[in-house]
Amino acid sequence: MALLLAAGLAASTGAIATAQAAAGATPGTRAAAQPQNDDLAARLKAIKGMTVEEKTSTMPGYRWFWLKYRQPVDHRRPKGRWFEQRIMLQHKSLDRPMVRYTSGYNTPEVMFKTEPTALVDGNQISIEYRYFTPSRPQPTDWTKDTIWQAATDEHRIIQALKKIYKKRWISTGVSKGGMTVVYHKRFYPRDVDGSVVYVAPNDVNNKEDSRYDRFFATVGTDPQCRTHVKRLARELLKRRPAMLQRFKADAAKNGWTFTILRTPDRAFENSVMDYEWGFWQYALQSDCKSLPALNASDDVLYKSLDSIAGISFYTDQGLQPYIPYYYQAGTQLGWPTPQFKHLRPLLRYERSYQPRTYVPRNIRMRFDGGKAMRDIDGWVRARGSKLMFLYGANDPWGSERFRLGKGTRDSAVYTAPGMNHSGKLIEKLPAAQRAKAIADLLRWANVPAQAQTLTTTPSDAIDPLILQGRPPL
């Protein structure tokens, strides 16, 4: 469903190379410009429940640690069962701010700098979200996969590391990671000094999703592009037998199975329902010219479906890593339900476009009716502070977004013109907005502003989404 698009589950070779190139290093090099703080590893190990492994840094000026922190499965019963949560630490200096990043999914396994990290020239931790492998309790009690439990994970980690990192803390995340940043700030507002939130949806009323339909009717500035994307999705359904023949052949070749979505036909149709969404989420309007013609061959159309929707994602092998996300979407976060009028009457499984479809039936789910999201939205509007929300103008997930209220303080919402679902948007803002956003971030981090910094952004920032293989959200 439009919780879309995990075309790959691990960082690709190209993404790793991109991250290393942007960091200005090659694998196996040792951080040189950084004073070694020889007692840092010992101080980390002294934290109760923390295990520490130092790796060879691939980023000059930084030390690289992988940490595991012992967490209660249920924070309301801290003496009960526990699991280990992974954290990646990139240490620059105890005199620099700390940027806490979360993807809301797994932690990327290569060194990288988020846009806020590069701007404040800081340390960075990347926290793996609970229930994403290997940070998953065994046996798995799914009722503890909640936003409060996860926020409390992050609170405990931050409090533990603040004993070492005493300068300012900035929190950031992209997409589901951005949502996670807001939820953590709501429950523990004093943990960090500012939050930079990228492309985070805010589904306050799960039953009212007309904003998505208005978005797809007006996105971009080229009506012909909008129409062509819709027509291509319809053409894929018209050629269902030919598309299924290729899908089944790929499944046999790669050992893909369909226990969760039940049949290849059902999986194929869900991928087509995601085609339009996927294009606007991860492509730009300028990419319209690279889309196939309606009369293109079956092979060309199938390749386009795979490129945009990621056909392997709709298999058991593609869905399995993301069950914790779909569970949360179906119990607390909510989900988009756009209308597929342009695909009717060719659809057979339109009602399957919901999180319950993507979670094995033996895992019980019950939606809370929107209670959790109404609480979050109310807090942002009434008491939120030092929150920076960034959206791409052409990103479907921005249709239902966070908005400020009368009680919100020292916060802003920015929209990058023509941009999609990206974790590197400050540099894409108009000059005046970019300068204001950078100035606010530096102020929150207590970093003296340099004149040139206010009009540009560092080149070594990485969009974390390229390291995550395009997760569902």
Protein backbone atom coordinates (compact mmCIF):
# COMPACT_ATOMS: atom_id res chain seq x y z
CA MET A 1 0.00 0.00 0.00
CA ALA A 2 1.09 3.58 -0.08
CA LEU A 3 3.26 2.89 2.87
CA LEU A 4 5.44 2.35 0.12
CA LEU A 5 8.27 1.43 -1.56
CA ALA A 6 11.00 -0.64 -0.08
CA ALA A 7 12.70 -1.52 -3.32
CA GLY A 8 15.72 -2.80 -1.39
CA LEU A 9 16.13 -3.68 2.25
CA ALA A 10 19.80 -2.94 2.84
CA ALA A 11 22.17 -0.19 1.78
CA SER A 12 23.20 -0.85 -1.77
CA THR A 13 26.80 -0.77 -2.96
CA GLY A 14 26.02 2.46 -4.76
CA ALA A 15 24.52 4.05 -1.64
CA ILE A 16 27.53 3.05 0.44
CA ALA A 17 29.88 4.46 -2.16
CA THR A 18 27.84 7.67 -2.24
CA ALA A 19 28.02 8.02 1.53
CA GLN A 20 31.75 7.34 1.61
CA ALA A 21 32.44 9.74 -1.22
CA ALA A 22 30.39 12.47 0.44
CA ALA A 23 32.21 11.87 3.69
CA GLY A 24 35.50 12.29 1.86
CA ALA A 25 36.90 8.90 2.88
CA THR A 26 37.45 5.39 1.70
CA PRO A 27 36.76 2.21 3.69
CA GLY A 28 39.45 1.20 6.13
CA THR A 29 40.86 4.67 6.83
CA ARG A 30 41.29 5.78 10.41
CA ALA A 31 39.91 9.08 11.66
CA ALA A 32 42.95 11.33 11.91
CA ALA A 33 41.96 14.90 12.72
CA GLN A 34 40.07 13.96 15.89
CA PRO A 35 41.73 13.92 19.31
CA GLN A 36 41.29 10.31 20.30
CA ASN A 37 39.69 10.78 23.75
CA ASP A 38 41.15 7.43 24.76
CA ASP A 39 38.80 7.12 27.69
CA LEU A 40 35.65 7.48 25.54
CA ALA A 41 35.22 3.75 24.96
CA ALA A 42 35.69 3.12 28.66
CA ARG A 43 33.13 5.78 29.54
CA LEU A 44 30.64 4.26 27.13
CA LYS A 45 31.23 0.79 28.57
CA ALA A 46 30.70 2.17 32.07
CA ILE A 47 27.05 2.96 31.21
CA LYS A 48 24.96 0.24 32.82
CA GLY A 49 23.45 -2.04 30.18
CA MET A 50 25.69 -0.76 27.34
CA THR A 51 27.99 -2.89 25.21
CA VAL A 52 30.50 -1.17 22.94
CA GLU A 53 32.32 -2.06 19.73
CA GLU A 54 34.62 0.40 18.00
CA LYS A 55 35.01 0.02 14.26
CA THR A 56 37.43 1.51 11.76
CA SER A 57 36.09 4.92 10.83
CA THR A 58 35.33 5.77 7.20
CA MET A 59 34.82 9.45 7.99
CA PRO A 60 37.81 11.71 8.71
CA GLY A 61 37.55 13.44 12.06
CA TYR A 62 35.15 10.91 13.54
CA ARG A 63 35.37 7.74 15.63
CA TRP A 64 32.83 5.04 14.87
CA PHE A 65 31.12 2.94 17.53
CA TRP A 66 28.34 0.39 17.48
CA LEU A 67 26.50 0.28 20.79
CA LYS A 68 23.88 -2.07 22.18
CA TYR A 69 21.74 -0.86 25.04
CA ARG A 70 19.64 -3.09 27.27
CA GLN A 71 15.99 -1.97 27.20
CA PRO A 72 12.86 -3.26 28.97
CA VAL A 73 10.33 -4.75 26.58
CA ASP A 74 7.70 -2.93 28.66
CA HIS A 75 8.90 0.27 30.29
CA ARG A 76 6.00 0.07 32.72
CA ARG A 77 7.57 -3.14 34.02
CA PRO A 78 11.29 -2.32 33.93
CA LYS A 79 12.29 -5.46 35.82
CA GLY A 80 10.63 -7.75 33.29
CA ARG A 81 11.90 -9.08 29.98
CA TRP A 82 14.46 -7.05 28.05
CA PHE A 83 16.11 -6.78 24.63
CA GLU A 84 19.17 -5.09 23.17
CA GLN A 85 18.71 -2.00 21.01
CA ARG A 86 21.35 -1.01 18.44
CA ILE A 87 22.83 2.48 18.28
CA MET A 88 25.42 3.78 15.85
CA LEU A 89 27.63 6.52 17.31
CA GLN A 90 29.75 8.86 15.22
CA HIS A 91 31.95 10.74 17.67
CA LYS A 92 33.60 14.01 16.70
CA SER A 93 34.22 15.87 19.94
CA LEU A 94 32.73 16.25 23.39
CA ASP A 95 32.78 19.99 22.70
CA ARG A 96 30.32 19.66 19.80
CA PRO A 97 26.51 19.24 19.84
CA MET A 98 24.94 15.81 19.49
CA VAL A 99 22.44 15.06 16.73
CA ARG A 100 20.15 12.15 17.45
CA TYR A 101 18.84 10.55 14.26
CA THR A 102 16.28 7.81 13.80
CA SER A 103 14.91 6.33 10.60
CA GLY A 104 11.95 4.83 12.45
CA TYR A 105 13.17 1.54 11.00
CA ASN A 106 16.57 -0.17 10.99
CA THR A 107 19.75 1.80 11.50
CA PRO A 108 21.86 2.36 8.36
CA GLU A 109 25.09 0.39 8.65
CA VAL A 110 27.44 2.91 7.07
CA MET A 111 28.68 6.20 8.42
CA PHE A 112 26.81 9.25 7.15
CA LYS A 113 25.89 12.78 8.17
CA THR A 114 22.34 14.04 8.25
CA GLU A 115 21.75 17.60 7.10
CA PRO A 116 21.51 18.91 10.71
CA THR A 117 24.71 17.04 11.69
CA ALA A 118 26.60 18.64 8.84
CA LEU A 119 25.21 22.09 9.62
CA VAL A 120 26.12 22.05 13.32
CA ASP A 121 29.34 20.07 12.71
CA GLY A 122 28.32 17.71 15.46
CA ASN A 123 28.39 14.19 16.80
CA GLN A 124 25.62 11.84 15.68
CA ILE A 125 23.83 8.80 17.05
CA SER A 126 21.48 6.69 14.95
CA ILE A 127 18.95 4.75 17.02
CA GLU A 128 17.33 1.61 15.62
CA TYR A 129 13.58 1.55 16.23
CA ARG A 130 12.33 -1.18 18.54
CA TYR A 131 11.04 -4.39 16.94
CA PHE A 132 13.14 -3.93 13.80
CA THR A 133 15.62 -6.78 13.51
CA PRO A 134 17.93 -7.27 15.35
CA SER A 135 16.47 -4.86 17.93
CA ARG A 136 13.48 -7.12 18.47
CA PRO A 137 12.47 -8.91 21.67
CA GLN A 138 12.15 -12.68 21.43
CA PRO A 139 9.50 -13.91 21.89
CA THR A 140 7.78 -10.89 20.38
CA ASP A 141 4.93 -9.25 22.28
CA TRP A 142 3.49 -7.02 19.58
CA THR A 143 1.35 -5.04 22.01
CA LYS A 144 4.54 -3.29 23.14
CA ASP A 145 5.25 -1.94 19.64
CA THR A 146 3.80 1.48 20.51
CA ILE A 147 4.89 5.08 20.10
CA TRP A 148 5.20 5.61 23.87
CA GLN A 149 7.34 2.53 24.39
CA ALA A 150 9.62 3.61 21.53
CA ALA A 151 9.83 7.19 22.82
CA THR A 152 10.84 5.84 26.21
CA ASP A 153 13.56 3.73 24.56
CA GLU A 154 14.96 6.91 23.08
CA HIS A 155 14.58 8.83 26.35
CA ARG A 156 16.65 6.25 28.24
CA ILE A 157 19.36 6.26 25.58
CA ILE A 158 19.56 10.06 25.52
CA GLN A 159 19.68 10.31 29.30
CA ALA A 160 22.45 7.68 29.45
CA LEU A 161 24.59 9.39 26.81
CA LYS A 162 24.05 12.86 28.20
CA LYS A 163 26.37 11.84 31.03
CA ILE A 164 29.12 11.98 28.38
CA TYR A 165 27.77 14.40 25.76
CA LYS A 166 26.88 17.51 27.75
CA LYS A 167 26.50 20.03 24.93
CA ARG A 168 23.22 20.77 23.14
CA TRP A 169 21.15 17.95 21.60
CA ILE A 170 19.25 18.16 18.30
CA SER A 171 16.81 15.48 17.20
CA THR A 172 16.13 14.64 13.56
CA GLY A 173 14.49 12.00 11.42
CA VAL A 174 13.00 11.46 7.98
CA SER A 175 9.49 10.20 7.19
CA LYS A 176 8.59 7.63 9.87
CA GLY A 177 11.76 8.78 11.59
CA GLY A 178 10.38 12.31 11.52
CA MET A 179 7.16 11.10 13.09
CA THR A 180 9.24 9.34 15.74
CA VAL A 181 11.05 12.60 16.51
CA VAL A 182 7.74 14.38 17.15
CA TYR A 183 6.35 11.58 19.32
CA HIS A 184 9.51 11.51 21.44
CA LYS A 185 9.36 15.30 21.87
CA ARG A 186 5.73 15.08 22.95
CA PHE A 187 6.44 12.55 25.72
CA TYR A 188 9.88 13.85 26.73
CA PRO A 189 9.98 17.54 25.72
CA ARG A 190 13.13 18.36 27.70
CA ASP A 191 15.37 15.67 26.25
CA VAL A 192 16.53 17.71 23.25
CA ASP A 193 17.04 21.39 22.45
CA GLY A 194 15.49 21.38 19.00
CA SER A 195 13.89 19.01 16.48
CA VAL A 196 14.30 19.00 12.69
CA VAL A 197 11.51 16.88 11.20
CA TYR A 198 11.58 15.81 7.54
CA VAL A 199 8.53 14.79 5.46
CA ALA A 200 6.49 13.45 8.40
CA PRO A 201 2.79 12.76 7.81
CA ASN A 202 0.24 13.54 10.52
CA ASP A 203 -2.89 11.41 10.14
CA VAL A 204 -5.18 13.01 12.71
CA ASN A 205 -8.43 11.75 11.18
CA ASN A 206 -7.86 8.34 9.61
CA LYS A 207 -11.36 8.27 8.14
CA GLU A 208 -10.94 11.49 6.16
CA ASP A 209 -8.28 11.23 3.45
CA SER A 210 -9.58 13.54 0.73
CA ARG A 211 -6.36 15.59 0.91
CA TYR A 212 -4.56 12.77 -0.88
CA ASP A 213 -7.04 12.87 -3.76
CA ARG A 214 -6.70 16.63 -4.05
CA PHE A 215 -2.92 16.22 -4.06
CA PHE A 216 -2.92 13.74 -6.96
CA ALA A 217 -5.31 15.99 -8.89
CA THR A 218 -3.03 19.02 -8.60
CA VAL A 219 0.55 17.84 -7.95
CA GLY A 220 3.27 19.55 -9.95
CA THR A 221 2.87 22.09 -12.73
CA ASP A 222 2.45 19.73 -15.68
CA PRO A 223 -1.07 18.30 -16.11
CA GLN A 224 0.16 16.01 -18.89
CA CYS A 225 2.62 14.39 -16.51
CA ARG A 226 -0.09 13.79 -13.91
CA THR A 227 -2.36 12.26 -16.50
CA HIS A 228 0.32 10.05 -18.00
CA VAL A 229 1.27 8.53 -14.63
CA LYS A 230 -2.38 7.66 -13.99
CA ARG A 231 -2.79 6.16 -17.44
CA LEU A 232 0.33 4.03 -17.06
CA ALA A 233 -1.06 2.52 -13.85
CA ARG A 234 -4.30 1.71 -15.64
CA GLU A 235 -2.40 0.20 -18.55
CA LEU A 236 -0.55 -2.12 -16.18
CA LEU A 237 -3.88 -3.49 -14.95
CA LYS A 238 -5.13 -3.90 -18.51
CA ARG A 239 -2.09 -6.08 -19.17
CA ARG A 240 -2.52 -8.09 -15.99
CA PRO A 241 -1.86 -11.53 -17.58
CA ALA A 242 1.41 -10.39 -19.17
CA MET A 243 2.54 -8.61 -16.00
CA LEU A 244 1.68 -11.63 -13.83
CA GLN A 245 3.59 -13.93 -16.16
CA ARG A 246 6.74 -11.86 -15.59
CA PHE A 247 6.11 -11.46 -11.86
CA LYS A 248 5.68 -15.20 -11.36
CA ALA A 249 8.81 -15.90 -13.37
CA ASP A 250 10.79 -13.50 -11.17
CA ALA A 251 9.30 -15.09 -8.06
CA ALA A 252 10.33 -18.58 -9.18
CA LYS A 253 13.81 -17.36 -10.07
CA ASN A 254 14.34 -15.56 -6.74
CA GLY A 255 12.45 -17.86 -4.38
CA TRP A 256 9.80 -15.26 -3.52
CA THR A 257 6.66 -16.41 -1.69
CA PHE A 258 3.25 -14.85 -1.02
CA THR A 259 1.96 -16.08 2.32
CA ILE A 260 1.23 -12.57 3.62
CA LEU A 261 -0.52 -11.19 0.52
CA ARG A 262 -1.81 -14.69 -0.35
CA THR A 263 -1.41 -14.66 -4.14
CA PRO A 264 0.85 -13.14 -6.80
CA ASP A 265 -2.24 -11.51 -8.34
CA ARG A 266 -3.07 -9.72 -5.10
CA ALA A 267 0.56 -8.67 -4.68
CA PHE A 268 0.72 -7.40 -8.26
CA GLU A 269 -2.42 -5.31 -7.87
CA ASN A 270 -1.16 -3.73 -4.65
CA SER A 271 2.03 -2.74 -6.45
CA VAL A 272 -0.03 -1.06 -9.18
CA MET A 273 -2.09 0.84 -6.61
CA ASP A 274 1.25 2.18 -5.35
CA TYR A 275 2.56 3.14 -8.80
CA GLU A 276 1.30 6.74 -8.89
CA TRP A 277 2.16 7.32 -5.25
CA GLY A 278 5.63 5.85 -5.73
CA PHE A 279 6.40 8.04 -8.70
CA TRP A 280 5.64 11.28 -6.88
CA GLN A 281 7.23 10.12 -3.63
CA TYR A 282 10.65 9.34 -5.07
CA ALA A 283 10.83 10.90 -8.54
CA LEU A 284 10.69 14.49 -9.74
CA GLN A 285 8.34 15.95 -12.30
CA SER A 286 11.30 16.17 -14.67
CA ASP A 287 11.45 12.35 -14.59
CA CYS A 288 8.16 12.18 -16.46
CA LYS A 289 10.06 12.28 -19.72
CA SER A 290 11.74 8.98 -18.83
CA LEU A 291 8.45 7.13 -18.29
CA PRO A 292 7.41 4.64 -20.99
CA ALA A 293 4.73 5.35 -23.56
CA LEU A 294 1.33 3.74 -23.14
CA ASN A 295 2.01 1.51 -26.14
CA ALA A 296 5.40 0.37 -24.87
CA SER A 297 6.14 -3.35 -24.78
CA ASP A 298 5.11 -5.58 -21.87
CA ASP A 299 8.74 -5.88 -20.82
CA VAL A 300 9.20 -2.12 -20.72
CA LEU A 301 6.02 -1.57 -18.70
CA TYR A 302 6.94 -4.31 -16.24
CA LYS A 303 10.37 -2.75 -15.81
CA SER A 304 8.73 0.59 -15.05
CA LEU A 305 6.45 -0.99 -12.43
CA ASP A 306 9.45 -2.65 -10.81
CA SER A 307 11.50 0.54 -10.89
CA ILE A 308 8.79 2.71 -9.33
CA ALA A 309 6.88 0.35 -7.02
CA GLY A 310 9.60 -2.21 -6.32
CA ILE A 311 7.82 -5.44 -7.24
CA SER A 312 9.82 -7.62 -4.84
CA PHE A 313 8.54 -5.59 -1.90
CA TYR A 314 5.11 -7.23 -2.22
CA THR A 315 6.51 -10.67 -1.48
CA ASP A 316 6.97 -12.26 1.95
CA GLN A 317 10.67 -11.53 1.70
CA GLY A 318 10.04 -7.84 1.04
CA LEU A 319 7.30 -7.33 3.62
CA GLN A 320 8.69 -9.31 6.53
CA PRO A 321 11.22 -6.69 7.72
CA TYR A 322 8.51 -4.01 7.80
CA ILE A 323 5.85 -5.82 9.83
CA PRO A 324 6.64 -3.63 12.90
CA TYR A 325 5.77 -0.56 10.84
CA TYR A 326 2.53 -1.94 9.42
CA TYR A 327 1.53 -3.09 12.89
CA GLN A 328 1.93 0.45 14.21
CA ALA A 329 0.13 1.95 11.21
CA GLY A 330 -2.82 -0.35 11.84
CA THR A 331 -2.95 0.27 15.59
CA GLN A 332 -1.91 3.89 16.17
CA LEU A 333 -0.43 5.82 13.23
CA GLY A 334 -3.24 5.50 10.73
CA TRP A 335 -2.83 5.07 6.98
CA PRO A 336 -3.74 6.82 3.72
CA THR A 337 -6.75 5.67 1.74
CA PRO A 338 -6.73 7.49 -1.61
CA GLN A 339 -9.50 6.81 -4.08
CA PHE A 340 -8.54 4.83 -7.17
CA LYS A 341 -11.27 6.02 -9.54
CA HIS A 342 -8.85 5.97 -12.48
CA LEU A 343 -8.21 2.25 -11.89
CA ARG A 344 -11.81 1.08 -11.56
CA PRO A 345 -13.35 -1.32 -12.56
CA LEU A 346 -10.02 -3.08 -13.20
CA LEU A 347 -9.28 -3.51 -9.49
CA ARG A 348 -10.09 -6.76 -7.71
CA TYR A 349 -8.60 -6.12 -4.27
CA GLU A 350 -9.03 -2.41 -3.58
CA ARG A 351 -10.11 -3.09 0.00
CA SER A 352 -6.80 -4.82 0.67
CA TYR A 353 -5.07 -1.43 0.59
CA GLN A 354 -4.62 -1.20 4.37
CA PRO A 355 -2.05 -2.26 7.01
CA ARG A 356 -4.00 -5.34 8.13
CA THR A 357 -3.23 -6.89 4.74
CA TYR A 358 0.52 -6.56 5.33
CA VAL A 359 0.66 -8.16 8.78
CA PRO A 360 0.44 -11.95 9.24
CA ARG A 361 -3.00 -12.98 10.46
CA ASN A 362 -1.65 -14.59 13.63
CA ILE A 363 -0.64 -11.12 14.89
CA ARG A 364 -3.68 -9.43 16.39
CA MET A 365 -4.29 -5.77 15.57
CA ARG A 366 -6.83 -3.23 16.69
CA PHE A 367 -6.82 0.42 15.61
CA ASP A 368 -7.16 2.87 18.51
CA GLY A 369 -9.56 5.06 16.52
CA GLY A 370 -7.05 7.87 16.12
CA LYS A 371 -6.62 8.56 19.84
CA ALA A 372 -2.81 8.55 19.77
CA MET A 373 -2.52 10.85 16.75
CA ARG A 374 -5.09 13.33 18.08
CA ASP A 375 -3.04 13.56 21.26
CA ILE A 376 0.17 14.21 19.29
CA ASP A 377 -1.46 16.81 17.05
CA GLY A 378 -3.04 18.58 20.01
CA TRP A 379 0.31 18.75 21.78
CA VAL A 380 2.09 20.22 18.74
CA ARG A 381 -0.56 22.93 18.38
CA ALA A 382 -0.88 23.74 22.07
CA ARG A 383 2.57 23.16 23.61
CA GLY A 384 5.06 22.25 20.91
CA SER A 385 8.28 24.24 20.75
CA LYS A 386 11.53 24.33 18.76
CA LEU A 387 10.07 22.18 16.00
CA MET A 388 11.13 22.60 12.38
CA PHE A 389 8.96 20.73 9.86
CA LEU A 390 10.22 20.31 6.28
CA TYR A 391 8.16 18.99 3.37
CA GLY A 392 8.59 18.52 -0.37
CA ALA A 393 5.87 20.23 -2.37
CA ASN A 394 5.43 17.18 -4.65
CA ASP A 395 5.51 14.53 -1.92
CA PRO A 396 2.19 12.72 -1.33
CA TRP A 397 3.04 12.20 2.34
CA GLY A 398 2.89 15.95 2.86
CA SER A 399 -0.83 15.97 2.06
CA GLU A 400 -1.62 15.39 5.72
CA ARG A 401 1.11 17.25 7.54
CA PHE A 402 1.89 18.75 10.91
CA ARG A 403 0.61 22.28 11.38
CA LEU A 404 1.37 24.84 14.05
CA GLY A 405 -1.20 26.23 16.49
CA LYS A 406 -1.66 29.20 18.78
CA GLY A 407 0.35 27.52 21.51
CA THR A 408 3.29 26.44 19.33
CA ARG A 409 6.47 28.35 20.07
CA ASP A 410 9.74 28.96 18.20
CA SER A 411 8.73 26.62 15.38
CA ALA A 412 8.19 26.69 11.61
CA VAL A 413 6.86 24.66 8.68
CA TYR A 414 8.74 24.87 5.37
CA THR A 415 7.90 23.50 1.93
CA ALA A 416 10.64 22.96 -0.66
CA PRO A 417 9.29 23.81 -4.15
CA GLY A 418 9.17 20.90 -6.60
CA MET A 419 10.78 18.46 -4.17
CA ASN A 420 9.76 14.93 -3.27
CA HIS A 421 10.13 12.67 -0.19
CA SER A 422 13.63 13.67 0.85
CA GLY A 423 15.75 13.94 3.96
CA LYS A 424 17.83 16.78 2.61
CA LEU A 425 15.47 19.71 2.15
CA ILE A 426 16.96 22.70 3.96
CA GLU A 427 19.33 23.23 1.04
CA LYS A 428 16.33 23.20 -1.34
CA LEU A 429 14.44 26.03 0.35
CA PRO A 430 14.29 29.54 -1.13
CA ALA A 431 17.25 31.60 0.08
CA ALA A 432 15.49 33.62 2.80
CA GLN A 433 13.76 30.56 4.24
CA ARG A 434 16.98 28.55 4.06
CA ALA A 435 18.84 31.24 5.99
CA LYS A 436 16.11 31.40 8.64
CA ALA A 437 16.00 27.60 9.04
CA ILE A 438 19.78 27.33 9.40
CA ALA A 439 19.90 30.25 11.83
CA ASP A 440 17.24 28.64 14.04
CA LEU A 441 19.02 25.28 14.02
CA LEU A 442 22.38 26.85 14.94
CA ARG A 443 20.72 28.85 17.71
CA TRP A 444 19.07 25.74 19.17
CA ALA A 445 22.42 23.93 19.02
CA ASN A 446 24.27 26.93 20.50
CA VAL A 447 26.61 27.04 17.51
CA PRO A 448 27.84 30.52 16.50
CA ALA A 449 26.43 31.44 13.11
CA GLN A 450 28.90 32.14 10.32
CA ALA A 451 27.74 34.54 7.63
CA GLN A 452 28.42 32.13 4.82
CA THR A 453 26.64 29.28 6.60
CA LEU A 454 23.34 31.10 6.44
CA THR A 455 23.20 31.05 2.64
CA THR A 456 24.50 27.59 1.84
CA THR A 457 24.61 24.09 3.30
CA PRO A 458 27.49 21.62 3.69
CA SER A 459 28.16 19.28 0.79
CA ASP A 460 28.89 16.30 3.05
CA ALA A 461 25.30 15.84 4.24
CA ILE A 462 23.64 12.61 3.08
CA ASP A 463 19.95 12.01 2.48
CA PRO A 464 19.44 9.03 4.84
CA LEU A 465 16.76 7.58 2.57
CA ILE A 466 19.40 6.49 0.08
CA LEU A 467 20.89 4.32 2.81
CA GLN A 468 17.60 2.66 3.72
CA GLY A 469 16.65 1.18 0.38
CA ARG A 470 13.54 3.39 0.13
CA PRO A 471 11.50 2.22 3.12
CA PRO A 472 7.68 2.20 3.03
CA LEU A 473 7.32 5.66 4.53
